[in-house]
């Protein structure tokens, strides 16, 4: 699988970078569209997304480098080579969320509303971004056979052949995660239509949904970041699932008409 989408005069753009960029741009467009419904101004949102994406990418890379420090400590010049892969989504989620919380509080916008607005589109961006791993030949699982992959019916032929690396077929865990994220995207959009959905419940659902899928998919992967004998992504998934569950349950305990997502009474007007 050729990792380069474009090569010209010795300069190349990798599919990995391209798919991440496409995911970010699409999510950006949809978030801006939804934010207008709540009176959130474009300048505020553009600055917020810009810093959340920049800090999120830095956090995702830092998270990965920390867990791979034994390698990067002797290859310091490669720390910035993010186009070659090595972005840990959990690091990006943590640092991106910190930016959203502080920036929204500064301009008196509900952080929960902003995160709820972004929740489904974040999953959609992740579904797209995972295809960068496919072209990079990474984020796959244990060795398997062509016939086992073919028997699953849901895996396209080109994905099966793409998972033939050096003569060995591997489990396309990137593909499973992409499908899981896409399904979660649809589910949260449906949840959003509920009359009494409260602020924080969409982002809470996102945390639970993604964590469940990532926990089980991670068990199939062979390139996991480790904390001792445990996979870091599985530990992070457990923590984030609990956080998401607590968020959803706490909001459910509030009065029926309090902090509703779909109500004009909760609209924020930003004076940016």
Protein backbone atom coordinates (compact mmCIF):
# COMPACT_ATOMS: atom_id res chain seq x y z
CA UNK A 1 0.00 0.00 0.00
CA UNK A 2 1.48 3.32 -1.10
CA UNK A 3 1.43 5.70 1.91
CA UNK A 4 1.70 8.78 -0.31
CA UNK A 5 -1.36 10.47 -1.80
CA UNK A 6 0.71 13.00 -3.77
CA UNK A 7 4.37 13.06 -4.75
CA UNK A 8 5.90 15.85 -6.82
CA UNK A 9 9.52 17.03 -7.15
CA UNK A 10 10.60 15.06 -4.12
CA UNK A 11 7.79 16.42 -1.95
CA UNK A 12 5.10 14.04 -0.78
CA UNK A 13 1.81 14.30 1.10
CA UNK A 14 0.88 11.14 2.96
CA UNK A 15 -2.61 9.66 3.07
CA UNK A 16 -2.28 9.67 6.86
CA UNK A 17 -2.04 13.45 7.01
CA UNK A 18 -4.67 13.89 4.30
CA UNK A 19 -7.33 11.78 6.01
CA UNK A 20 -6.78 13.50 9.36
CA UNK A 21 -7.10 16.88 7.64
CA UNK A 22 -10.28 15.83 5.82
CA UNK A 23 -11.81 14.61 9.07
CA UNK A 24 -10.98 17.86 10.87
CA UNK A 25 -12.35 20.05 8.06
CA UNK A 26 -15.64 18.13 7.79
CA UNK A 27 -16.12 18.19 11.57
CA UNK A 28 -15.31 21.92 11.59
CA UNK A 29 -17.99 22.63 8.96
CA UNK A 30 -20.71 20.69 10.77
CA UNK A 31 -19.84 22.13 14.19
CA UNK A 32 -20.02 25.66 12.81
CA UNK A 33 -23.41 24.92 11.24
CA UNK A 34 -24.86 23.57 14.49
CA UNK A 35 -23.32 26.30 16.65
CA UNK A 36 -25.21 28.98 14.71
CA UNK A 37 -28.46 27.60 16.08
CA UNK A 38 -27.33 28.59 19.56
CA UNK A 39 -26.12 32.08 18.70
CA UNK A 40 -22.45 31.14 18.99
CA UNK A 41 -20.48 33.52 16.83
CA UNK A 42 -18.22 32.31 14.06
CA UNK A 43 -15.10 34.19 15.28
CA UNK A 44 -15.34 32.59 18.70
CA UNK A 45 -15.87 29.14 17.23
CA UNK A 46 -13.09 29.46 14.65
CA UNK A 47 -10.56 30.44 17.31
CA UNK A 48 -11.76 27.71 19.65
CA UNK A 49 -11.54 24.96 17.04
CA UNK A 50 -8.17 26.22 15.82
CA UNK A 51 -6.59 26.05 19.27
CA UNK A 52 -8.35 22.83 20.23
CA UNK A 53 -7.06 21.13 17.06
CA UNK A 54 -3.49 22.46 17.42
CA UNK A 55 -3.22 21.63 21.12
CA UNK A 56 -5.04 18.34 20.54
CA UNK A 57 -2.52 17.24 17.90
CA UNK A 58 0.36 18.23 20.17
CA UNK A 59 -1.25 16.33 23.03
CA UNK A 60 -1.88 13.27 20.87
CA UNK A 61 1.75 13.23 19.78
CA UNK A 62 3.11 13.90 23.27
CA UNK A 63 1.01 11.06 24.68
CA UNK A 64 2.40 8.67 22.06
CA UNK A 65 6.00 9.83 22.48
CA UNK A 66 5.84 9.48 26.27
CA UNK A 67 4.82 5.84 26.00
CA UNK A 68 7.47 5.26 23.32
CA UNK A 69 10.18 7.26 25.07
CA UNK A 70 12.65 4.38 25.04
CA UNK A 71 12.75 4.79 21.26
CA UNK A 72 12.36 8.56 20.93
CA UNK A 73 14.97 9.32 23.58
CA UNK A 74 17.55 8.17 21.04
CA UNK A 75 15.68 9.56 18.00
CA UNK A 76 14.80 13.06 19.15
CA UNK A 77 14.66 14.40 15.59
CA UNK A 78 11.72 12.06 14.85
CA UNK A 79 9.48 13.39 17.61
CA UNK A 80 7.95 15.90 15.19
CA UNK A 81 7.41 13.41 12.35
CA UNK A 82 3.66 13.16 12.93
CA UNK A 83 3.01 12.48 9.23
CA UNK A 84 4.58 9.06 9.74
CA UNK A 85 1.92 8.11 12.29
CA UNK A 86 1.98 8.07 16.06
CA UNK A 87 -0.95 10.19 17.24
CA UNK A 88 -2.74 8.77 20.27
CA UNK A 89 -6.40 9.81 20.28
CA UNK A 90 -6.63 9.71 24.07
CA UNK A 91 -3.90 12.33 24.38
CA UNK A 92 -5.72 14.50 21.87
CA UNK A 93 -9.05 14.12 23.68
CA UNK A 94 -7.60 15.13 27.03
CA UNK A 95 -5.70 18.19 25.83
CA UNK A 96 -8.45 19.24 23.42
CA UNK A 97 -11.06 19.04 26.21
CA UNK A 98 -8.89 21.22 28.45
CA UNK A 99 -8.73 23.90 25.74
CA UNK A 100 -12.52 23.79 25.24
CA UNK A 101 -13.24 24.06 28.97
CA UNK A 102 -10.93 27.02 29.63
CA UNK A 103 -11.75 28.88 26.40
CA UNK A 104 -15.50 28.51 26.83
CA UNK A 105 -15.39 29.62 30.45
CA UNK A 106 -13.39 32.69 29.44
CA UNK A 107 -16.14 33.81 27.04
CA UNK A 108 -19.05 32.55 29.16
CA UNK A 109 -20.15 29.77 26.85
CA UNK A 110 -21.25 26.43 28.27
CA UNK A 111 -18.39 23.93 27.79
CA UNK A 112 -20.94 21.12 27.94
CA UNK A 113 -22.91 22.63 25.05
CA UNK A 114 -19.79 23.02 22.92
CA UNK A 115 -18.73 19.45 23.63
CA UNK A 116 -22.24 18.18 22.92
CA UNK A 117 -22.27 20.02 19.60
CA UNK A 118 -18.92 18.48 18.66
CA UNK A 119 -19.53 14.93 19.97
CA UNK A 120 -21.05 13.25 16.89
CA UNK A 121 -18.75 15.03 14.47
CA UNK A 122 -15.71 14.06 16.49
CA UNK A 123 -16.69 10.43 15.95
CA UNK A 124 -17.19 11.10 12.24
CA UNK A 125 -13.72 12.67 12.02
CA UNK A 126 -12.22 9.67 13.81
CA UNK A 127 -13.97 7.31 11.38
CA UNK A 128 -12.32 9.13 8.49
CA UNK A 129 -8.95 9.54 10.18
CA UNK A 130 -8.58 5.81 10.82
CA UNK A 131 -8.19 5.27 7.07
CA UNK A 132 -4.86 7.05 7.30
CA UNK A 133 -3.67 4.08 9.38
CA UNK A 134 -4.69 1.78 6.54
CA UNK A 135 -2.42 3.50 4.03
CA UNK A 136 0.35 3.80 6.61
CA UNK A 137 0.20 0.04 7.20
CA UNK A 138 -0.38 0.40 10.95
CA UNK A 139 -3.02 -0.01 13.69
CA UNK A 140 -3.77 -3.58 12.58
CA UNK A 141 -4.35 -6.63 14.71
CA UNK A 142 -3.21 -10.22 14.99
CA UNK A 143 -2.28 -12.36 12.01
CA UNK A 144 -5.16 -14.16 10.32
CA UNK A 145 -6.02 -15.63 6.91
CA UNK A 146 -7.70 -14.38 3.76
CA UNK A 147 -10.56 -16.86 4.15
CA UNK A 148 -11.34 -15.77 7.71
CA UNK A 149 -11.46 -12.12 6.66
CA UNK A 150 -13.56 -12.93 3.60
CA UNK A 151 -16.00 -14.96 5.70
CA UNK A 152 -16.87 -11.89 7.78
CA UNK A 153 -18.70 -10.39 4.75
CA UNK A 154 -18.39 -6.78 6.02
CA UNK A 155 -14.76 -6.29 4.98
CA UNK A 156 -14.24 -4.96 1.41
CA UNK A 157 -11.87 -6.87 -0.85
CA UNK A 158 -9.42 -3.97 -1.15
CA UNK A 159 -9.14 -3.79 2.65
CA UNK A 160 -8.41 -7.51 2.86
CA UNK A 161 -5.67 -7.24 0.24
CA UNK A 162 -4.35 -4.10 1.92
CA UNK A 163 -3.95 -6.09 5.11
CA UNK A 164 -1.61 -8.48 3.31
CA UNK A 165 1.68 -7.17 4.67
CA UNK A 166 4.84 -9.03 3.69
CA UNK A 167 2.78 -12.06 2.74
CA UNK A 168 0.78 -12.21 5.98
CA UNK A 169 -2.86 -11.18 6.40
CA UNK A 170 -3.65 -9.12 9.50
CA UNK A 171 -6.87 -8.21 11.29
CA UNK A 172 -8.01 -4.74 10.06
CA UNK A 173 -8.68 -3.25 13.50
CA UNK A 174 -8.50 0.24 11.96
CA UNK A 175 -11.53 -0.73 9.85
CA UNK A 176 -13.49 -2.06 12.82
CA UNK A 177 -12.87 1.16 14.73
CA UNK A 178 -13.86 3.26 11.73
CA UNK A 179 -17.19 1.41 11.46
CA UNK A 180 -17.73 1.67 15.22
CA UNK A 181 -17.18 5.42 15.15
CA UNK A 182 -19.48 5.83 12.16
CA UNK A 183 -22.24 3.92 13.94
CA UNK A 184 -21.71 6.04 17.07
CA UNK A 185 -21.98 9.19 14.94
CA UNK A 186 -25.43 8.10 13.75
CA UNK A 187 -26.58 7.07 17.22
CA UNK A 188 -25.63 10.39 18.85
CA UNK A 189 -27.37 12.33 16.08
CA UNK A 190 -30.52 10.30 16.83
CA UNK A 191 -30.13 10.89 20.58
CA UNK A 192 -29.81 14.61 19.87
CA UNK A 193 -33.38 14.63 18.53
CA UNK A 194 -34.84 13.50 21.86
CA UNK A 195 -36.99 16.19 23.43
CA UNK A 196 -35.52 15.95 26.92
CA UNK A 197 -31.84 15.35 26.12
CA UNK A 198 -29.77 17.34 28.61
CA UNK A 199 -26.48 19.17 28.25
CA UNK A 200 -23.53 16.84 28.73
CA UNK A 201 -25.36 13.67 27.79
CA UNK A 202 -24.14 13.64 24.19
CA UNK A 203 -20.48 14.02 25.11
CA UNK A 204 -21.04 11.49 27.89
CA UNK A 205 -22.50 9.06 25.35
CA UNK A 206 -19.52 9.72 23.09
CA UNK A 207 -17.09 8.82 25.87
CA UNK A 208 -18.96 5.62 26.68
CA UNK A 209 -19.50 4.56 23.07
CA UNK A 210 -15.97 5.14 21.88
CA UNK A 211 -14.47 3.60 25.02
CA UNK A 212 -16.47 0.37 24.69
CA UNK A 213 -15.40 -0.11 21.08
CA UNK A 214 -11.79 0.89 21.66
CA UNK A 215 -11.44 -1.41 24.68
CA UNK A 216 -12.39 -4.53 22.74
CA UNK A 217 -10.74 -3.53 19.47
CA UNK A 218 -7.52 -2.76 21.34
CA UNK A 219 -7.41 -6.35 22.58
CA UNK A 220 -6.83 -7.41 18.95
CA UNK A 221 -4.06 -4.93 18.20
CA UNK A 222 -0.39 -5.83 18.22
CA UNK A 223 1.10 -2.32 18.35
CA UNK A 224 -0.49 -1.03 21.55
CA UNK A 225 1.09 1.47 23.90
CA UNK A 226 1.73 -0.28 27.19
CA UNK A 227 1.70 0.53 30.90
CA UNK A 228 3.59 -2.40 32.32
CA UNK A 229 1.63 -5.49 31.29
CA UNK A 230 -1.53 -3.52 30.48
CA UNK A 231 -2.56 -1.73 27.30
CA UNK A 232 -2.70 2.03 27.88
CA UNK A 233 -5.70 2.50 25.57
CA UNK A 234 -7.73 -0.04 27.52
CA UNK A 235 -6.96 1.65 30.83
CA UNK A 236 -7.85 5.03 29.33
CA UNK A 237 -11.04 3.55 27.88
CA UNK A 238 -12.16 2.31 31.29
CA UNK A 239 -11.52 5.71 32.87
CA UNK A 240 -13.27 7.65 30.10
CA UNK A 241 -16.22 5.23 30.11
CA UNK A 242 -16.74 5.82 33.83
CA UNK A 243 -16.49 9.60 33.33
CA UNK A 244 -19.05 9.44 30.51
CA UNK A 245 -21.41 7.25 32.54
CA UNK A 246 -21.23 9.60 35.53
CA UNK A 247 -21.94 12.60 33.27
CA UNK A 248 -25.03 10.96 31.79
CA UNK A 249 -26.39 9.74 35.15
CA UNK A 250 -25.81 13.06 36.91
CA UNK A 251 -27.71 14.92 34.21
CA UNK A 252 -30.56 12.39 34.37
CA UNK A 253 -31.07 13.18 38.05
CA UNK A 254 -31.75 16.84 37.37
CA UNK A 255 -35.31 18.23 36.93
CA UNK A 256 -36.92 17.24 33.65
CA UNK A 257 -36.80 20.71 32.08
CA UNK A 258 -33.42 21.81 33.44
CA UNK A 259 -30.32 22.20 31.22
CA UNK A 260 -31.99 20.88 28.08
CA UNK A 261 -29.96 20.78 24.88
CA UNK A 262 -32.87 21.43 22.50
CA UNK A 263 -34.38 24.57 23.96
CA UNK A 264 -34.08 28.25 23.14
CA UNK A 265 -33.92 29.07 26.84
CA UNK A 266 -30.44 27.56 26.97
CA UNK A 267 -29.02 29.52 24.01
CA UNK A 268 -25.78 31.37 24.67
CA UNK A 269 -25.01 34.67 22.93
CA UNK A 270 -21.29 35.25 22.73
CA UNK A 271 -19.98 38.80 22.80
CA UNK A 272 -16.63 38.09 21.21
